[in-house]
Amino acid sequence: MVQGKWNITIKTPMGDKSGVLELHSDGTSLTGSLSHAEHHVAISGGKVAGNKLSWSAQIDKPMRMNFKFTATVEDDRISGSAKYLLGKATFAGTRA
């Protein structure tokens, strides 16, 4: 089950960033939000295929950037990556 709140850590070039990923699934559709100290953004274009997930998110600070996430859920763990203009960041977390 992908739905729920996840405590995640994203490994970025500026160090590890902790945040909360909140996911809601409806069939193959995925919605929710991603937040940490400086940002709270809605996810868009979310899809669920078994235990594989994909979605997009956009931040405006410190600069406008689009992220394309892919993830895998296994039991109470989630892991994946976020591709963006400057490269790729990995993340992992556990169900809150």
C-alpha atoms as a PDB file:
ATOM      1  CA  MET A   1       0.000   0.000   0.000  1.00  0.00           C
ATOM      2  CA  VAL A   2       1.521   3.324  -1.091  1.00  0.00           C
ATOM      3  CA  GLN A   3      -0.993   5.585   0.622  1.00  0.00           C
ATOM      4  CA  GLY A   4       0.010   7.428   3.786  1.00  0.00           C
ATOM      5  CA  LYS A   5       2.666   9.638   5.297  1.00  0.00           C
ATOM      6  CA  TRP A   6       6.354   8.891   4.756  1.00  0.00           C
ATOM      7  CA  ASN A   7       9.374  10.404   6.541  1.00  0.00           C
ATOM      8  CA  ILE A   8      12.022  10.720   3.848  1.00  0.00           C
ATOM      9  CA  THR A   9      15.586  11.968   3.484  1.00  0.00           C
ATOM     10  CA  ILE A  10      16.711  13.349   0.126  1.00  0.00           C
ATOM     11  CA  LYS A  11      20.455  13.334  -0.568  1.00  0.00           C
ATOM     12  CA  THR A  12      21.213  16.633  -2.329  1.00  0.00           C
ATOM     13  CA  PRO A  13      24.464  18.369  -3.337  1.00  0.00           C
ATOM     14  CA  MET A  14      23.776  20.760  -0.424  1.00  0.00           C
ATOM     15  CA  GLY A  15      23.487  17.925   2.100  1.00  0.00           C
ATOM     16  CA  ASP A  16      20.717  15.643   3.294  1.00  0.00           C
ATOM     17  CA  LYS A  17      17.233  17.172   3.494  1.00  0.00           C
ATOM     18  CA  SER A  18      14.555  15.573   5.654  1.00  0.00           C
ATOM     19  CA  GLY A  19      10.906  15.922   4.772  1.00  0.00           C
ATOM     20  CA  VAL A  20       7.450  14.422   4.743  1.00  0.00           C
ATOM     21  CA  LEU A  21       5.883  12.850   1.676  1.00  0.00           C
ATOM     22  CA  GLU A  22       2.120  12.449   1.888  1.00  0.00           C
ATOM     23  CA  LEU A  23       0.581  10.158  -0.731  1.00  0.00           C
ATOM     24  CA  HIS A  24      -3.013   9.369  -1.687  1.00  0.00           C
ATOM     25  CA  SER A  25      -3.764   6.738  -4.310  1.00  0.00           C
ATOM     26  CA  ASP A  26      -6.973   6.145  -6.246  1.00  0.00           C
ATOM     27  CA  GLY A  27      -6.525   3.207  -8.586  1.00  0.00           C
ATOM     28  CA  THR A  28      -3.511   4.112 -10.728  1.00  0.00           C
ATOM     29  CA  SER A  29      -3.708   7.831  -9.858  1.00  0.00           C
ATOM     30  CA  LEU A  30      -1.394   9.355  -7.225  1.00  0.00           C
ATOM     31  CA  THR A  31      -1.766  12.746  -5.498  1.00  0.00           C
ATOM     32  CA  GLY A  32      -0.291  14.312  -2.383  1.00  0.00           C
ATOM     33  CA  SER A  33       2.389  16.687  -1.193  1.00  0.00           C
ATOM     34  CA  LEU A  34       6.045  16.935  -0.296  1.00  0.00           C
ATOM     35  CA  SER A  35       7.209  19.223   2.485  1.00  0.00           C
ATOM     36  CA  HIS A  36      10.240  20.108   4.545  1.00  0.00           C
ATOM     37  CA  ALA A  37      11.372  23.172   6.455  1.00  0.00           C
ATOM     38  CA  GLU A  38      11.487  25.525   3.450  1.00  0.00           C
ATOM     39  CA  HIS A  39       8.962  24.053   1.019  1.00  0.00           C
ATOM     40  CA  HIS A  40       5.464  22.608   0.782  1.00  0.00           C
ATOM     41  CA  VAL A  41       4.532  21.556  -2.735  1.00  0.00           C
ATOM     42  CA  ALA A  42       1.731  19.545  -4.283  1.00  0.00           C
ATOM     43  CA  ILE A  43       2.740  16.622  -6.428  1.00  0.00           C
ATOM     44  CA  SER A  44       1.282  16.326  -9.916  1.00  0.00           C
ATOM     45  CA  GLY A  45       0.999  13.745 -12.673  1.00  0.00           C
ATOM     46  CA  GLY A  46       1.258  10.933 -10.150  1.00  0.00           C
ATOM     47  CA  LYS A  47       0.921   7.305 -11.244  1.00  0.00           C
ATOM     48  CA  VAL A  48       0.886   3.963  -9.433  1.00  0.00           C
ATOM     49  CA  ALA A  49       1.863   0.692 -11.143  1.00  0.00           C
ATOM     50  CA  GLY A  50       1.999  -2.066  -8.522  1.00  0.00           C
ATOM     51  CA  ASN A  51       4.667  -0.951  -6.040  1.00  0.00           C
ATOM     52  CA  LYS A  52       6.243   1.501  -8.540  1.00  0.00           C
ATOM     53  CA  LEU A  53       5.387   5.202  -8.296  1.00  0.00           C
ATOM     54  CA  SER A  54       6.096   8.299 -10.383  1.00  0.00           C
ATOM     55  CA  TRP A  55       5.193  11.960  -9.962  1.00  0.00           C
ATOM     56  CA  SER A  56       6.373  15.510 -10.571  1.00  0.00           C
ATOM     57  CA  ALA A  57       6.866  18.459  -8.227  1.00  0.00           C
ATOM     58  CA  GLN A  58       7.949  22.059  -8.720  1.00  0.00           C
ATOM     59  CA  ILE A  59       9.640  24.427  -6.281  1.00  0.00           C
ATOM     60  CA  ASP A  60      10.032  28.194  -6.655  1.00  0.00           C
ATOM     61  CA  LYS A  61      12.764  28.873  -4.042  1.00  0.00           C
ATOM     62  CA  PRO A  62      15.721  29.317  -4.074  1.00  0.00           C
ATOM     63  CA  MET A  63      15.039  29.056  -7.818  1.00  0.00           C
ATOM     64  CA  ARG A  64      12.298  27.584  -9.955  1.00  0.00           C
ATOM     65  CA  MET A  65      12.971  23.876 -10.568  1.00  0.00           C
ATOM     66  CA  ASN A  66      10.944  20.905 -11.752  1.00  0.00           C
ATOM     67  CA  PHE A  67      11.565  17.458 -10.318  1.00  0.00           C
ATOM     68  CA  LYS A  68      10.526  14.079 -11.752  1.00  0.00           C
ATOM     69  CA  PHE A  69      10.342  11.419  -9.053  1.00  0.00           C
ATOM     70  CA  THR A  70      10.324   7.644  -9.367  1.00  0.00           C
ATOM     71  CA  ALA A  71       9.993   5.393  -6.327  1.00  0.00           C
ATOM     72  CA  THR A  72       9.456   1.847  -5.155  1.00  0.00           C
ATOM     73  CA  VAL A  73       7.467   0.897  -2.053  1.00  0.00           C
ATOM     74  CA  GLU A  74       8.360  -2.284  -0.175  1.00  0.00           C
ATOM     75  CA  ASP A  75       6.385  -2.919   3.025  1.00  0.00           C
ATOM     76  CA  ASP A  76       6.996   0.177   5.200  1.00  0.00           C
ATOM     77  CA  ARG A  77       9.938   1.505   3.147  1.00  0.00           C
ATOM     78  CA  ILE A  78      10.078   3.829   0.163  1.00  0.00           C
ATOM     79  CA  SER A  79      13.101   4.672  -1.982  1.00  0.00           C
ATOM     80  CA  GLY A  80      13.778   6.273  -5.308  1.00  0.00           C
ATOM     81  CA  SER A  81      15.235   9.223  -7.147  1.00  0.00           C
ATOM     82  CA  ALA A  82      14.387  12.720  -8.296  1.00  0.00           C
ATOM     83  CA  LYS A  83      15.696  13.958 -11.637  1.00  0.00           C
ATOM     84  CA  TYR A  84      16.072  17.702 -12.135  1.00  0.00           C
ATOM     85  CA  LEU A  85      17.907  20.161 -14.347  1.00  0.00           C
ATOM     86  CA  LEU A  86      21.156  19.931 -12.366  1.00  0.00           C
ATOM     87  CA  GLY A  87      21.218  16.144 -12.049  1.00  0.00           C
ATOM     88  CA  LYS A  88      19.678  13.499  -9.872  1.00  0.00           C
ATOM     89  CA  ALA A  89      19.092  13.066  -6.141  1.00  0.00           C
ATOM     90  CA  THR A  90      18.233   9.846  -4.341  1.00  0.00           C
ATOM     91  CA  PHE A  91      15.858   9.498  -1.413  1.00  0.00           C
ATOM     92  CA  ALA A  92      14.703   6.883   1.052  1.00  0.00           C
ATOM     93  CA  GLY A  93      12.283   6.765   3.933  1.00  0.00           C
ATOM     94  CA  THR A  94       9.895   4.876   6.147  1.00  0.00           C
ATOM     95  CA  ARG A  95       6.183   5.013   6.828  1.00  0.00           C
ATOM     96  CA  ALA A  96       5.393   7.648   9.484  1.00  0.00           C
END
